[in-house]
Amino acid sequence: QPLPWCADAFVVHGESLGHHQAHLSGQLYFQEPTSMIPPLALQEALDAKKPGQYVRVLDLCAAPGSKASQLAIWLHNRPGGGLLVANEPSEERAEKLRTNLLRSGVVNVLVT
């Protein structure tokens, strides 16, 4: 069912779908609804202060990549575009981040 406060999100009940083909191919990404709030708040602020301008966003704790993917997709699609610098100090977690960003198909992200 649709998530009432986020047009691009749906609530899924039941078993874990992390190994479903749609997830593994990047067509779907499963994310807790509370993880969607920071990117949505940033989107509102940037659209109000810098409409149509290219922006750069720094995510200091980016793994495993749900918020980073959400931000990168939004930055790619917004007028003016943007770049996400996704930082993850843990190499193990950074690898999970890279995997999830690749699955999502985003190209406007620099992982540090």
Foldseek 3Di string as FASTA:
>chain_A
DADVPDRVDDDDDDDDCCVPPCNQQQVDDDDDPVLQVVLVVVVVVCCVVPALAEEEEEAAAQPPPPSVLVNLVCQCPGRHHYAYEYEHPDPVRLVNNVSNNVSNVGDRYHYD
